[in-house]
Amino acid sequence: MGIRDEIVEIAEYDAEALTHSQKSYGDSWKKRGGTGAFMMLARKWDRLENQVKKFNYDIFETIYDNPSPEGVLDDIGDLRRYLFLVEAEVRRELGGFALEAPEEAAEAYKGASGSTPLGTSVEEARGLSTEPD
């Protein structure tokens, strides 16, 4: 199975999990507004950080040490689903906005510095080499 298939499988699981949670909890995640939603994300990040400290911030070693469903993978999944909720809420409130294809996303970052949303450097996204000649 390729990475795209893995991602699709994870996203489908997340959609089902969020649908199930919505039935039980409703919109409680945004009850306290944007600050509360951010703090929810921050708490999940804090849990992840506390777990990876023991392994010098090596996320892979942390997971391999405890690959159980209650381990760090659970917190990663929770954080990812909370991020989905935040993004979906904003998209809904703004009347939606188009997801850009990778080439279009890279083009939108022309003139910027740092990383694109795809995890590539801006130079790589522009098709420029970051390696010295």
N, C-alpha and C. Protein backbone atom coordinates (compact mmCIF):
# COMPACT_ATOMS: atom_id res chain seq x y z
N MET A 1 0.85 -1.17 0.00
CA MET A 1 0.00 0.00 0.00
C MET A 1 0.90 1.23 0.00
N GLY A 2 0.63 2.17 -0.89
CA GLY A 2 1.40 3.40 -0.98
C GLY A 2 0.97 4.42 0.07
N ILE A 3 1.76 5.48 0.20
CA ILE A 3 1.49 6.50 1.21
C ILE A 3 0.13 7.16 0.98
N ARG A 4 -0.25 7.38 -0.27
CA ARG A 4 -1.55 8.00 -0.54
C ARG A 4 -2.68 7.11 -0.02
N ASP A 5 -2.56 5.80 -0.26
CA ASP A 5 -3.58 4.87 0.22
C ASP A 5 -3.64 4.88 1.74
N GLU A 6 -2.49 4.94 2.38
CA GLU A 6 -2.44 5.00 3.85
C GLU A 6 -3.14 6.26 4.35
N ILE A 7 -2.85 7.39 3.70
CA ILE A 7 -3.44 8.66 4.11
C ILE A 7 -4.95 8.64 3.92
N VAL A 8 -5.41 8.12 2.79
CA VAL A 8 -6.85 8.02 2.54
C VAL A 8 -7.52 7.15 3.60
N GLU A 9 -6.89 6.03 3.92
CA GLU A 9 -7.44 5.14 4.95
C GLU A 9 -7.54 5.84 6.30
N ILE A 10 -6.51 6.57 6.67
CA ILE A 10 -6.52 7.32 7.93
C ILE A 10 -7.61 8.40 7.90
N ALA A 11 -7.71 9.12 6.79
CA ALA A 11 -8.71 10.18 6.68
C ALA A 11 -10.13 9.62 6.76
N GLU A 12 -10.36 8.48 6.13
CA GLU A 12 -11.69 7.86 6.20
C GLU A 12 -12.00 7.43 7.63
N TYR A 13 -11.01 6.87 8.33
CA TYR A 13 -11.21 6.49 9.72
C TYR A 13 -11.53 7.74 10.54
N ASP A 14 -10.78 8.81 10.32
CA ASP A 14 -11.02 10.05 11.06
C ASP A 14 -12.42 10.58 10.82
N ALA A 15 -12.88 10.53 9.58
CA ALA A 15 -14.23 11.01 9.27
C ALA A 15 -15.27 10.20 10.03
N GLU A 16 -15.09 8.88 10.08
CA GLU A 16 -16.02 8.03 10.83
C GLU A 16 -15.94 8.33 12.33
N ALA A 17 -14.73 8.46 12.85
CA ALA A 17 -14.56 8.73 14.28
C ALA A 17 -15.17 10.08 14.66
N LEU A 18 -14.99 11.08 13.80
CA LEU A 18 -15.55 12.41 14.09
C LEU A 18 -17.08 12.39 14.01
N THR A 19 -17.63 11.63 13.07
CA THR A 19 -19.08 11.50 12.97
C THR A 19 -19.63 10.85 14.23
N HIS A 20 -18.97 9.81 14.69
CA HIS A 20 -19.39 9.13 15.92
C HIS A 20 -19.29 10.07 17.12
N SER A 21 -18.18 10.79 17.24
CA SER A 21 -17.99 11.71 18.36
C SER A 21 -19.01 12.84 18.34
N GLN A 22 -19.34 13.30 17.14
CA GLN A 22 -20.32 14.38 17.00
C GLN A 22 -21.66 13.97 17.62
N LYS A 23 -22.03 12.70 17.47
CA LYS A 23 -23.29 12.22 18.04
C LYS A 23 -23.26 12.26 19.57
N SER A 24 -22.10 12.00 20.15
CA SER A 24 -21.98 11.96 21.61
C SER A 24 -21.70 13.33 22.22
N TYR A 25 -20.80 14.08 21.59
CA TYR A 25 -20.31 15.33 22.20
C TYR A 25 -20.80 16.59 21.53
N GLY A 26 -21.38 16.49 20.36
CA GLY A 26 -21.82 17.68 19.64
C GLY A 26 -20.64 18.57 19.30
N ASP A 27 -20.84 19.86 19.46
CA ASP A 27 -19.80 20.84 19.15
C ASP A 27 -19.09 21.33 20.40
N SER A 28 -18.98 20.47 21.40
CA SER A 28 -18.35 20.89 22.66
C SER A 28 -16.92 21.36 22.47
N TRP A 29 -16.23 20.90 21.43
CA TRP A 29 -14.84 21.27 21.20
C TRP A 29 -14.68 22.76 20.92
N LYS A 30 -15.77 23.42 20.43
CA LYS A 30 -15.67 24.84 20.13
C LYS A 30 -16.53 25.70 21.06
N LYS A 31 -16.98 25.09 22.12
CA LYS A 31 -17.87 25.76 23.07
C LYS A 31 -17.28 27.06 23.62
N ARG A 32 -15.97 27.09 23.82
CA ARG A 32 -15.32 28.25 24.41
C ARG A 32 -14.64 29.13 23.36
N GLY A 33 -15.06 28.99 22.12
CA GLY A 33 -14.55 29.84 21.05
C GLY A 33 -13.18 29.43 20.55
N GLY A 34 -12.58 30.33 19.78
CA GLY A 34 -11.30 30.07 19.16
C GLY A 34 -10.17 29.85 20.15
N THR A 35 -10.18 30.59 21.24
CA THR A 35 -9.14 30.41 22.25
C THR A 35 -9.25 29.03 22.88
N GLY A 36 -10.46 28.63 23.20
CA GLY A 36 -10.67 27.30 23.77
C GLY A 36 -10.28 26.20 22.80
N ALA A 37 -10.59 26.40 21.51
CA ALA A 37 -10.22 25.41 20.50
C ALA A 37 -8.69 25.32 20.39
N PHE A 38 -8.02 26.47 20.45
CA PHE A 38 -6.56 26.45 20.41
C PHE A 38 -6.00 25.73 21.63
N MET A 39 -6.56 25.98 22.79
CA MET A 39 -6.07 25.34 24.01
C MET A 39 -6.28 23.83 23.95
N MET A 40 -7.34 23.40 23.32
CA MET A 40 -7.58 21.97 23.12
C MET A 40 -6.43 21.37 22.30
N LEU A 41 -6.06 22.08 21.23
CA LEU A 41 -4.93 21.63 20.41
C LEU A 41 -3.64 21.65 21.23
N ALA A 42 -3.44 22.71 22.00
CA ALA A 42 -2.22 22.85 22.79
C ALA A 42 -2.09 21.73 23.82
N ARG A 43 -3.20 21.36 24.45
CA ARG A 43 -3.15 20.26 25.43
C ARG A 43 -2.72 18.95 24.79
N LYS A 44 -3.23 18.69 23.59
CA LYS A 44 -2.82 17.46 22.89
C LYS A 44 -1.34 17.54 22.54
N TRP A 45 -0.89 18.70 22.07
CA TRP A 45 0.52 18.86 21.75
C TRP A 45 1.37 18.67 23.01
N ASP A 46 0.94 19.23 24.13
CA ASP A 46 1.67 19.07 25.39
C ASP A 46 1.80 17.61 25.77
N ARG A 47 0.75 16.83 25.58
CA ARG A 47 0.81 15.39 25.87
C ARG A 47 1.84 14.70 24.98
N LEU A 48 1.84 15.06 23.70
CA LEU A 48 2.83 14.49 22.79
C LEU A 48 4.24 14.87 23.22
N GLU A 49 4.42 16.13 23.53
CA GLU A 49 5.75 16.60 23.92
C GLU A 49 6.25 15.89 25.17
N ASN A 50 5.38 15.71 26.14
CA ASN A 50 5.78 15.01 27.37
C ASN A 50 6.23 13.58 27.08
N GLN A 51 5.60 12.94 26.13
CA GLN A 51 5.96 11.56 25.80
C GLN A 51 7.27 11.46 25.01
N VAL A 52 7.52 12.39 24.10
CA VAL A 52 8.71 12.29 23.27
C VAL A 52 9.97 12.79 23.97
N LYS A 53 9.82 13.57 25.02
CA LYS A 53 10.99 14.06 25.77
C LYS A 53 11.88 12.91 26.22
N LYS A 54 11.25 11.82 26.64
CA LYS A 54 12.00 10.66 27.13
C LYS A 54 12.91 10.05 26.06
N PHE A 55 12.61 10.34 24.81
CA PHE A 55 13.36 9.76 23.69
C PHE A 55 14.05 10.87 22.88
N ASN A 56 14.43 11.93 23.58
CA ASN A 56 15.13 13.05 22.94
C ASN A 56 14.35 13.57 21.74
N TYR A 57 13.04 13.64 21.86
CA TYR A 57 12.12 14.16 20.86
C TYR A 57 12.07 13.34 19.57
N ASP A 58 12.48 12.09 19.65
CA ASP A 58 12.40 11.20 18.49
C ASP A 58 11.01 10.56 18.49
N ILE A 59 10.13 11.07 17.65
CA ILE A 59 8.74 10.61 17.61
C ILE A 59 8.65 9.14 17.23
N PHE A 60 9.52 8.69 16.32
CA PHE A 60 9.47 7.30 15.89
C PHE A 60 9.87 6.37 17.03
N GLU A 61 10.95 6.68 17.72
CA GLU A 61 11.38 5.85 18.84
C GLU A 61 10.31 5.82 19.93
N THR A 62 9.66 6.95 20.15
CA THR A 62 8.59 7.02 21.15
C THR A 62 7.46 6.06 20.79
N ILE A 63 7.07 6.06 19.53
CA ILE A 63 6.00 5.18 19.07
C ILE A 63 6.42 3.72 19.15
N TYR A 64 7.65 3.43 18.70
CA TYR A 64 8.12 2.04 18.72
C TYR A 64 8.22 1.50 20.14
N ASP A 65 8.50 2.39 21.09
CA ASP A 65 8.58 1.96 22.49
C ASP A 65 7.21 1.55 23.02
N ASN A 66 6.16 2.23 22.56
CA ASN A 66 4.81 1.93 23.02
C ASN A 66 3.84 2.07 21.85
N PRO A 67 3.76 1.05 21.00
CA PRO A 67 2.87 1.12 19.84
C PRO A 67 1.42 0.78 20.16
N SER A 68 1.08 0.71 21.43
CA SER A 68 -0.28 0.33 21.81
C SER A 68 -1.30 1.38 21.36
N PRO A 69 -2.56 0.98 21.26
CA PRO A 69 -3.61 1.92 20.86
C PRO A 69 -3.76 3.10 21.83
N GLU A 70 -3.28 2.96 23.06
CA GLU A 70 -3.40 4.04 24.03
C GLU A 70 -2.15 4.91 24.09
N GLY A 71 -1.15 4.60 23.27
CA GLY A 71 0.12 5.31 23.30
C GLY A 71 0.09 6.61 22.52
N VAL A 72 1.27 7.01 22.08
CA VAL A 72 1.43 8.29 21.40
C VAL A 72 0.62 8.34 20.10
N LEU A 73 0.43 7.20 19.44
CA LEU A 73 -0.38 7.21 18.21
C LEU A 73 -1.81 7.67 18.49
N ASP A 74 -2.32 7.36 19.65
CA ASP A 74 -3.66 7.82 20.03
C ASP A 74 -3.69 9.34 20.13
N ASP A 75 -2.67 9.92 20.74
CA ASP A 75 -2.62 11.38 20.86
C ASP A 75 -2.40 12.03 19.50
N ILE A 76 -1.61 11.41 18.64
CA ILE A 76 -1.42 11.94 17.29
C ILE A 76 -2.75 11.94 16.54
N GLY A 77 -3.48 10.85 16.65
CA GLY A 77 -4.79 10.77 16.00
C GLY A 77 -5.76 11.79 16.54
N ASP A 78 -5.79 11.96 17.86
CA ASP A 78 -6.68 12.97 18.45
C ASP A 78 -6.34 14.36 17.95
N LEU A 79 -5.05 14.69 17.95
CA LEU A 79 -4.62 16.01 17.48
C LEU A 79 -5.00 16.21 16.02
N ARG A 80 -4.76 15.20 15.19
CA ARG A 80 -5.09 15.30 13.77
C ARG A 80 -6.60 15.53 13.59
N ARG A 81 -7.41 14.80 14.34
CA ARG A 81 -8.86 14.97 14.22
C ARG A 81 -9.30 16.34 14.71
N TYR A 82 -8.71 16.84 15.79
CA TYR A 82 -9.03 18.20 16.25
C TYR A 82 -8.64 19.23 15.20
N LEU A 83 -7.51 19.03 14.54
CA LEU A 83 -7.10 19.94 13.48
C LEU A 83 -8.09 19.89 12.32
N PHE A 84 -8.57 18.69 11.99
CA PHE A 84 -9.61 18.55 10.97
C PHE A 84 -10.84 19.36 11.37
N LEU A 85 -11.25 19.26 12.63
CA LEU A 85 -12.43 20.00 13.09
C LEU A 85 -12.24 21.50 12.92
N VAL A 86 -11.09 22.00 13.33
CA VAL A 86 -10.83 23.44 13.23
C VAL A 86 -10.86 23.88 11.78
N GLU A 87 -10.17 23.15 10.91
CA GLU A 87 -10.14 23.55 9.51
C GLU A 87 -11.53 23.46 8.89
N ALA A 88 -12.25 22.40 9.16
CA ALA A 88 -13.60 22.24 8.59
C ALA A 88 -14.52 23.35 9.06
N GLU A 89 -14.41 23.73 10.33
CA GLU A 89 -15.25 24.81 10.87
C GLU A 89 -14.97 26.12 10.15
N VAL A 90 -13.70 26.43 9.97
CA VAL A 90 -13.34 27.68 9.30
C VAL A 90 -13.79 27.66 7.85
N ARG A 91 -13.57 26.54 7.17
CA ARG A 91 -14.02 26.44 5.78
C ARG A 91 -15.53 26.62 5.68
N ARG A 92 -16.28 26.01 6.61
CA ARG A 92 -17.73 26.12 6.61
C ARG A 92 -18.16 27.57 6.84
N GLU A 93 -17.54 28.21 7.82
CA GLU A 93 -17.89 29.60 8.16
C GLU A 93 -17.56 30.57 7.02
N LEU A 94 -16.51 30.28 6.30
CA LEU A 94 -16.11 31.15 5.19
C LEU A 94 -16.80 30.78 3.89
N GLY A 95 -17.71 29.82 3.96
CA GLY A 95 -18.41 29.40 2.76
C GLY A 95 -17.58 28.49 1.89
N GLY A 96 -16.58 27.88 2.52
CA GLY A 96 -15.71 26.96 1.81
C GLY A 96 -14.67 27.72 1.02
N PHE A 97 -13.60 27.07 0.77
CA PHE A 97 -12.60 27.59 -0.15
C PHE A 97 -11.90 26.40 -0.76
N ALA A 98 -11.49 26.58 -1.98
CA ALA A 98 -10.97 25.46 -2.77
C ALA A 98 -9.67 24.94 -2.19
N LEU A 99 -9.53 23.64 -2.17
CA LEU A 99 -8.25 23.04 -1.86
C LEU A 99 -7.39 23.16 -3.10
N GLU A 100 -6.17 23.62 -2.90
CA GLU A 100 -5.30 23.80 -4.05
C GLU A 100 -4.55 22.51 -4.36
N ALA A 101 -4.36 22.27 -5.63
CA ALA A 101 -3.50 21.17 -6.05
C ALA A 101 -2.08 21.51 -5.63
N PRO A 102 -1.21 20.51 -5.44
CA PRO A 102 0.15 20.79 -4.98
C PRO A 102 0.88 21.85 -5.79
N GLU A 103 0.73 21.85 -7.11
CA GLU A 103 1.41 22.85 -7.94
C GLU A 103 0.87 24.24 -7.65
N GLU A 104 -0.43 24.35 -7.45
CA GLU A 104 -1.04 25.65 -7.17
C GLU A 104 -0.64 26.14 -5.78
N ALA A 105 -0.55 25.23 -4.82
CA ALA A 105 -0.13 25.62 -3.48
C ALA A 105 1.29 26.15 -3.50
N ALA A 106 2.16 25.49 -4.23
CA ALA A 106 3.54 25.94 -4.33
C ALA A 106 3.60 27.31 -4.99
N GLU A 107 2.81 27.52 -6.03
CA GLU A 107 2.77 28.80 -6.73
C GLU A 107 2.31 29.92 -5.80
N ALA A 108 1.38 29.62 -4.92
CA ALA A 108 0.86 30.63 -3.98
C ALA A 108 1.93 31.09 -3.00
N TYR A 109 2.98 30.29 -2.82
CA TYR A 109 4.02 30.64 -1.86
C TYR A 109 5.21 31.36 -2.50
N LYS A 110 5.09 31.74 -3.75
CA LYS A 110 6.18 32.48 -4.39
C LYS A 110 6.47 33.73 -3.58
N GLY A 111 7.73 33.98 -3.34
CA GLY A 111 8.12 35.16 -2.59
C GLY A 111 8.15 34.93 -1.09
N ALA A 112 7.62 33.81 -0.64
CA ALA A 112 7.63 33.52 0.80
C ALA A 112 8.92 32.78 1.14
N SER A 113 9.20 32.73 2.42
CA SER A 113 10.35 31.93 2.86
C SER A 113 9.85 30.87 3.82
N GLY A 114 10.63 29.82 3.99
CA GLY A 114 10.23 28.75 4.90
C GLY A 114 9.66 27.57 4.15
N SER A 115 8.70 26.88 4.77
CA SER A 115 8.13 25.67 4.20
C SER A 115 6.74 25.92 3.67
N THR A 116 6.38 25.16 2.66
CA THR A 116 5.03 25.18 2.14
C THR A 116 4.18 24.24 2.98
N PRO A 117 2.86 24.26 2.82
CA PRO A 117 2.01 23.32 3.55
C PRO A 117 2.32 21.87 3.19
N LEU A 118 3.02 21.65 2.12
CA LEU A 118 3.34 20.30 1.69
C LEU A 118 4.61 19.80 2.33
N GLY A 119 5.27 20.63 3.14
CA GLY A 119 6.47 20.21 3.83
C GLY A 119 7.74 20.39 3.03
N THR A 120 7.61 20.95 1.85
CA THR A 120 8.80 21.20 1.04
C THR A 120 9.22 22.64 1.25
N SER A 121 10.49 22.91 1.02
CA SER A 121 10.92 24.29 1.11
C SER A 121 10.30 25.08 -0.02
N VAL A 122 10.23 26.36 0.15
CA VAL A 122 9.67 27.21 -0.89
C VAL A 122 10.48 27.06 -2.17
N GLU A 123 11.80 26.96 -2.03
CA GLU A 123 12.65 26.80 -3.21
C GLU A 123 12.33 25.50 -3.94
N GLU A 124 12.16 24.40 -3.18
CA GLU A 124 11.82 23.13 -3.81
C GLU A 124 10.46 23.21 -4.49
N ALA A 125 9.51 23.88 -3.84
CA ALA A 125 8.18 24.01 -4.40
C ALA A 125 8.22 24.81 -5.70
N ARG A 126 9.14 25.76 -5.79
CA ARG A 126 9.28 26.55 -7.01
C ARG A 126 10.05 25.80 -8.07
N GLY A 127 10.62 24.63 -7.70
CA GLY A 127 11.37 23.86 -8.66
C GLY A 127 12.84 24.25 -8.69
N LEU A 128 13.27 25.04 -7.72
CA LEU A 128 14.66 25.43 -7.65
C LEU A 128 15.41 24.44 -6.78
N SER A 129 16.63 24.20 -7.09
CA SER A 129 17.46 23.30 -6.28
C SER A 129 17.93 24.03 -5.04
N THR A 130 17.93 23.33 -3.91
CA THR A 130 18.48 23.89 -2.68
C THR A 130 19.86 23.36 -2.43
N GLU A 131 20.34 22.48 -3.35
CA GLU A 131 21.68 21.91 -3.22
C GLU A 131 22.68 22.82 -3.88
N PRO A 132 23.86 22.99 -3.28
CA PRO A 132 24.89 23.81 -3.94
C PRO A 132 25.39 23.11 -5.20
N ASP A 133 25.78 23.91 -6.21
CA ASP A 133 26.30 23.34 -7.45
C ASP A 133 27.68 22.77 -7.26
